[in-house]
C-alpha atoms as a PDB file:
ATOM      1  CA  MET A   1     211.200 249.248 294.341  1.00  0.00           C
ATOM      2  CA  PRO A   2     212.685 252.616 294.578  1.00  0.00           C
ATOM      3  CA  PHE A   3     215.376 251.476 291.936  1.00  0.00           C
ATOM      4  CA  LYS A   4     212.482 250.423 289.695  1.00  0.00           C
ATOM      5  CA  THR A   5     210.820 253.780 290.056  1.00  0.00           C
ATOM      6  CA  CYS A   6     213.947 255.623 289.212  1.00  0.00           C
ATOM      7  CA  TRP A   7     214.716 253.386 286.173  1.00  0.00           C
ATOM      8  CA  THR A   8     211.204 253.957 284.983  1.00  0.00           C
ATOM      9  CA  ARG A   9     211.437 257.734 285.222  1.00  0.00           C
ATOM     10  CA  ARG A  10     214.804 257.596 283.325  1.00  0.00           C
ATOM     11  CA  GLN A  11     213.283 255.363 280.713  1.00  0.00           C
ATOM     12  CA  THR A  12     210.279 257.907 280.477  1.00  0.00           C
ATOM     13  CA  ARG A  13     212.541 261.010 280.180  1.00  0.00           C
ATOM     14  CA  LEU A  14     214.539 259.207 277.404  1.00  0.00           C
ATOM     15  CA  ILE A  15     211.554 258.185 275.485  1.00  0.00           C
ATOM     16  CA  THR A  16     209.756 261.569 275.753  1.00  0.00           C
ATOM     17  CA  GLY A  17     213.132 263.233 275.009  1.00  0.00           C
ATOM     18  CA  LEU A  18     213.487 261.375 271.655  1.00  0.00           C
ATOM     19  CA  PRO A  19     210.778 263.182 269.939  1.00  0.00           C
ATOM     20  CA  ALA A  20     211.771 266.540 271.188  1.00  0.00           C
ATOM     21  CA  ALA A  21     215.450 265.880 269.952  1.00  0.00           C
ATOM     22  CA  ALA A  22     214.268 264.575 266.696  1.00  0.00           C
ATOM     23  CA  LEU A  23     212.105 267.772 266.219  1.00  0.00           C
ATOM     24  CA  LEU A  24     215.196 269.878 267.140  1.00  0.00           C
ATOM     25  CA  LEU A  25     217.292 268.194 264.647  1.00  0.00           C
ATOM     26  CA  ALA A  26     214.709 268.309 261.982  1.00  0.00           C
ATOM     27  CA  ALA A  27     214.657 272.078 262.622  1.00  0.00           C
ATOM     28  CA  ALA A  28     218.218 272.514 262.610  1.00  0.00           C
ATOM     29  CA  LEU A  29     218.764 270.535 259.195  1.00  0.00           C
ATOM     30  CA  PRO A  30     218.543 273.582 257.131  1.00  0.00           C
ATOM     31  CA  LEU A  31     221.032 275.459 259.230  1.00  0.00           C
ATOM     32  CA  LEU A  32     223.284 272.548 258.913  1.00  0.00           C
ATOM     33  CA  ALA A  33     222.915 272.315 255.115  1.00  0.00           C
ATOM     34  CA  GLN A  34     225.991 273.761 253.222  1.00  0.00           C
ATOM     35  CA  ALA A  35     225.115 277.371 251.858  1.00  0.00           C
ATOM     36  CA  PRO A  36     226.311 277.878 248.265  1.00  0.00           C
ATOM     37  CA  THR A  37     229.186 280.181 247.630  1.00  0.00           C
ATOM     38  CA  LEU A  38     228.934 283.161 245.278  1.00  0.00           C
ATOM     39  CA  THR A  39     232.254 283.509 243.464  1.00  0.00           C
ATOM     40  CA  VAL A  40     233.397 286.709 241.921  1.00  0.00           C
ATOM     41  CA  ALA A  41     236.016 286.526 239.422  1.00  0.00           C
ATOM     42  CA  PRO A  42     239.284 288.694 239.837  1.00  0.00           C
ATOM     43  CA  VAL A  43     239.096 292.098 238.109  1.00  0.00           C
ATOM     44  CA  PRO A  44     241.970 293.360 236.151  1.00  0.00           C
ATOM     45  CA  THR A  45     243.566 296.592 237.558  1.00  0.00           C
ATOM     46  CA  VAL A  46     241.593 299.740 236.590  1.00  0.00           C
ATOM     47  CA  ARG A  47     244.064 302.187 234.971  1.00  0.00           C
ATOM     48  CA  THR A  48     242.346 305.767 234.823  1.00  0.00           C
ATOM     49  CA  GLN A  49     243.060 309.480 235.212  1.00  0.00           C
ATOM     50  CA  LYS A  50     241.795 312.213 237.380  1.00  0.00           C
ATOM     51  CA  GLY A  51     238.484 313.811 236.248  1.00  0.00           C
ATOM     52  CA  ALA A  52     237.813 310.606 234.202  1.00  0.00           C
ATOM     53  CA  VAL A  53     235.037 308.040 234.247  1.00  0.00           C
ATOM     54  CA  ALA A  54     236.125 304.475 235.231  1.00  0.00           C
ATOM     55  CA  VAL A  55     233.952 301.481 234.683  1.00  0.00           C
ATOM     56  CA  VAL A  56     234.429 298.279 236.749  1.00  0.00           C
ATOM     57  CA  THR A  57     232.714 295.043 235.670  1.00  0.00           C
ATOM     58  CA  LEU A  58     232.271 292.200 238.411  1.00  0.00           C
ATOM     59  CA  ARG A  59     231.625 288.623 237.063  1.00  0.00           C
ATOM     60  CA  ALA A  60     229.641 286.773 239.761  1.00  0.00           C
ATOM     61  CA  SER A  61     228.496 283.193 239.618  1.00  0.00           C
ATOM     62  CA  LEU A  62     226.302 280.735 241.711  1.00  0.00           C
ATOM     63  CA  PRO A  63     226.423 276.987 241.467  1.00  0.00           C
ATOM     64  CA  GLN A  64     223.964 275.032 239.392  1.00  0.00           C
ATOM     65  CA  GLY A  65     220.529 274.669 241.140  1.00  0.00           C
ATOM     66  CA  TYR A  66     220.941 277.713 243.215  1.00  0.00           C
ATOM     67  CA  HIS A  67     219.428 281.228 242.728  1.00  0.00           C
ATOM     68  CA  ALA A  68     219.620 284.647 244.620  1.00  0.00           C
ATOM     69  CA  ASN A  69     217.023 287.307 244.713  1.00  0.00           C
ATOM     70  CA  SER A  70     217.487 290.156 242.374  1.00  0.00           C
ATOM     71  CA  ASN A  71     218.312 293.775 243.497  1.00  0.00           C
ATOM     72  CA  THR A  72     214.469 294.281 243.133  1.00  0.00           C
ATOM     73  CA  PRO A  73     212.924 291.272 244.763  1.00  0.00           C
ATOM     74  CA  THR A  74     209.128 290.656 244.456  1.00  0.00           C
ATOM     75  CA  ASP A  75     208.387 290.845 248.163  1.00  0.00           C
ATOM     76  CA  ALA A  76     209.645 293.302 250.639  1.00  0.00           C
ATOM     77  CA  TYR A  77     210.803 290.676 253.009  1.00  0.00           C
ATOM     78  CA  LEU A  78     213.181 288.968 250.612  1.00  0.00           C
ATOM     79  CA  ILE A  79     216.889 290.143 250.995  1.00  0.00           C
ATOM     80  CA  PRO A  80     218.080 291.848 247.748  1.00  0.00           C
ATOM     81  CA  LEU A  81     221.198 291.361 245.831  1.00  0.00           C
ATOM     82  CA  SER A  82     223.236 294.633 246.856  1.00  0.00           C
ATOM     83  CA  LEU A  83     226.648 296.066 245.831  1.00  0.00           C
ATOM     84  CA  LYS A  84     227.992 298.649 248.129  1.00  0.00           C
ATOM     85  CA  TRP A  85     231.260 300.296 247.611  1.00  0.00           C
ATOM     86  CA  THR A  86     232.750 301.429 250.797  1.00  0.00           C
ATOM     87  CA  GLY A  87     236.260 302.510 250.333  1.00  0.00           C
ATOM     88  CA  GLY A  88     238.793 303.790 247.863  1.00  0.00           C
ATOM     89  CA  PRO A  89     239.690 306.857 245.754  1.00  0.00           C
ATOM     90  CA  LEU A  90     236.771 306.520 243.334  1.00  0.00           C
ATOM     91  CA  ARG A  91     233.147 308.005 243.638  1.00  0.00           C
ATOM     92  CA  VAL A  92     230.310 305.675 242.625  1.00  0.00           C
ATOM     93  CA  ASP A  93     228.124 307.086 239.969  1.00  0.00           C
ATOM     94  CA  ALA A  94     225.819 304.261 239.129  1.00  0.00           C
ATOM     95  CA  VAL A  95     225.689 300.630 239.739  1.00  0.00           C
ATOM     96  CA  THR A  96     223.994 298.330 237.063  1.00  0.00           C
ATOM     97  CA  TYR A  97     222.680 294.967 238.216  1.00  0.00           C
ATOM     98  CA  PRO A  98     222.137 291.861 236.208  1.00  0.00           C
ATOM     99  CA  LYS A  99     218.620 291.489 234.231  1.00  0.00           C
ATOM    100  CA  ALA A 100     216.575 289.353 236.688  1.00  0.00           C
ATOM    101  CA  SER A 101     214.176 286.526 235.506  1.00  0.00           C
ATOM    102  CA  LEU A 102     210.903 285.615 237.089  1.00  0.00           C
ATOM    103  CA  GLU A 103     210.972 282.044 238.236  1.00  0.00           C
ATOM    104  CA  LYS A 104     208.396 279.994 240.210  1.00  0.00           C
ATOM    105  CA  TYR A 105     209.544 277.801 243.082  1.00  0.00           C
ATOM    106  CA  ALA A 106     207.554 275.351 245.373  1.00  0.00           C
ATOM    107  CA  PHE A 107     207.999 277.497 248.445  1.00  0.00           C
ATOM    108  CA  SER A 108     206.438 280.560 246.933  1.00  0.00           C
ATOM    109  CA  GLU A 109     202.987 281.197 245.787  1.00  0.00           C
ATOM    110  CA  LYS A 110     204.081 283.747 243.055  1.00  0.00           C
ATOM    111  CA  PRO A 111     207.187 283.924 240.696  1.00  0.00           C
ATOM    112  CA  LEU A 112     210.239 285.363 242.344  1.00  0.00           C
ATOM    113  CA  SER A 113     212.762 288.084 240.659  1.00  0.00           C
ATOM    114  CA  VAL A 114     216.082 286.084 240.800  1.00  0.00           C
ATOM    115  CA  VAL A 115     219.419 285.751 239.231  1.00  0.00           C
ATOM    116  CA  THR A 116     221.111 282.278 238.688  1.00  0.00           C
ATOM    117  CA  GLY A 117     224.363 281.069 237.160  1.00  0.00           C
ATOM    118  CA  GLU A 118     226.763 283.490 235.867  1.00  0.00           C
ATOM    119  CA  PHE A 119     225.904 287.197 236.004  1.00  0.00           C
ATOM    120  CA  ILE A 120     227.461 290.655 235.642  1.00  0.00           C
ATOM    121  CA  LEU A 121     227.450 293.769 237.805  1.00  0.00           C
ATOM    122  CA  THR A 122     228.683 297.044 236.356  1.00  0.00           C
ATOM    123  CA  THR A 123     229.683 300.140 238.318  1.00  0.00           C
ATOM    124  CA  LYS A 124     230.545 303.492 236.811  1.00  0.00           C
ATOM    125  CA  PHE A 125     232.727 305.535 238.968  1.00  0.00           C
ATOM    126  CA  GLN A 126     233.880 309.173 238.821  1.00  0.00           C
ATOM    127  CA  VAL A 127     237.510 309.744 239.418  1.00  0.00           C
ATOM    128  CA  PRO A 128     237.862 312.839 241.433  1.00  0.00           C
ATOM    129  CA  ALA A 129     239.955 315.650 240.256  1.00  0.00           C
ATOM    130  CA  ASP A 130     241.982 315.807 243.532  1.00  0.00           C
ATOM    131  CA  ALA A 131     242.400 311.959 243.651  1.00  0.00           C
ATOM    132  CA  PRO A 132     245.931 310.888 244.631  1.00  0.00           C
ATOM    133  CA  ASN A 133     248.160 309.470 241.871  1.00  0.00           C
ATOM    134  CA  GLY A 134     249.382 306.018 242.016  1.00  0.00           C
ATOM    135  CA  ALA A 135     248.162 302.616 243.202  1.00  0.00           C
ATOM    136  CA  ALA A 136     245.024 302.258 245.418  1.00  0.00           C
ATOM    137  CA  ALA A 137     242.345 299.880 246.103  1.00  0.00           C
ATOM    138  CA  GLN A 138     238.497 300.347 245.749  1.00  0.00           C
ATOM    139  CA  THR A 139     236.690 298.004 248.193  1.00  0.00           C
ATOM    140  CA  GLY A 140     233.172 296.855 248.731  1.00  0.00           C
ATOM    141  CA  THR A 141     230.761 294.112 249.814  1.00  0.00           C
ATOM    142  CA  LEU A 142     228.384 291.965 247.529  1.00  0.00           C
ATOM    143  CA  ARG A 143     225.494 290.956 249.622  1.00  0.00           C
ATOM    144  CA  PHE A 144     223.158 288.242 248.604  1.00  0.00           C
ATOM    145  CA  GLN A 145     220.788 285.491 249.945  1.00  0.00           C
ATOM    146  CA  ALA A 146     221.218 282.148 247.984  1.00  0.00           C
ATOM    147  CA  CYS A 147     218.124 279.630 247.770  1.00  0.00           C
ATOM    148  CA  ASN A 148     217.621 276.390 246.130  1.00  0.00           C
ATOM    149  CA  ASP A 149     214.078 275.187 245.033  1.00  0.00           C
ATOM    150  CA  ARG A 150     213.368 274.035 248.608  1.00  0.00           C
ATOM    151  CA  MET A 151     214.720 276.709 250.968  1.00  0.00           C
ATOM    152  CA  CYS A 152     216.624 279.767 251.372  1.00  0.00           C
ATOM    153  CA  PHE A 153     220.066 280.113 253.168  1.00  0.00           C
ATOM    154  CA  ALA A 154     221.174 282.838 255.581  1.00  0.00           C
ATOM    155  CA  PRO A 155     222.402 286.013 253.703  1.00  0.00           C
ATOM    156  CA  LYS A 156     226.000 286.197 252.916  1.00  0.00           C
ATOM    157  CA  ALA A 157     228.484 289.080 252.054  1.00  0.00           C
ATOM    158  CA  VAL A 158     231.410 288.734 249.730  1.00  0.00           C
ATOM    159  CA  PRO A 159     234.151 291.248 249.826  1.00  0.00           C
ATOM    160  CA  VAL A 160     235.141 292.647 246.715  1.00  0.00           C
ATOM    161  CA  SER A 161     238.249 294.639 245.905  1.00  0.00           C
ATOM    162  CA  VAL A 162     239.563 296.170 242.696  1.00  0.00           C
ATOM    163  CA  ALA A 163     243.069 297.546 242.244  1.00  0.00           C
ATOM    164  CA  VAL A 164     243.138 301.172 240.907  1.00  0.00           C
ATOM    165  CA  GLU A 165     245.945 302.945 239.292  1.00  0.00           C
ATOM    166  CA  ILE A 166     245.421 306.602 238.838  1.00  0.00           C
ATOM    167  CA  GLN A 167     247.743 308.673 236.576  1.00  0.00           C
END
């Protein structure tokens, strides 16, 4: 009889463990889903002079069926599209984000301010009068949170770099 009792306990543990494992797997599926990639097209070298204004245009795109929150999301808990320039010889004057559209999705009670497909971000830089001559790189990060019509994925950051030639 001890063997049967032991076997019954194992069987019970296995049976009660299956629903818990199924719930855990169901909760993990969104995490396992492949997050879409935001791509940024290469930017031609920016040739500029000391004391001038330089404009950099980033062309970004999300795959069809996905969106990202705009830089001005409709709710405070939503993660905005954000371009931060962190290194290089140029000083950021202003970043212009793409025009957002309001779209309704099943997971939200109200329309969301989003960007989809291909979009453009423009940065106006000041070239300092004391900037060193020659080649350099202006680097930064484009942060976004991609979603589809059912769920949102973890936020991601895409590094951006622009070659700069100061004369």
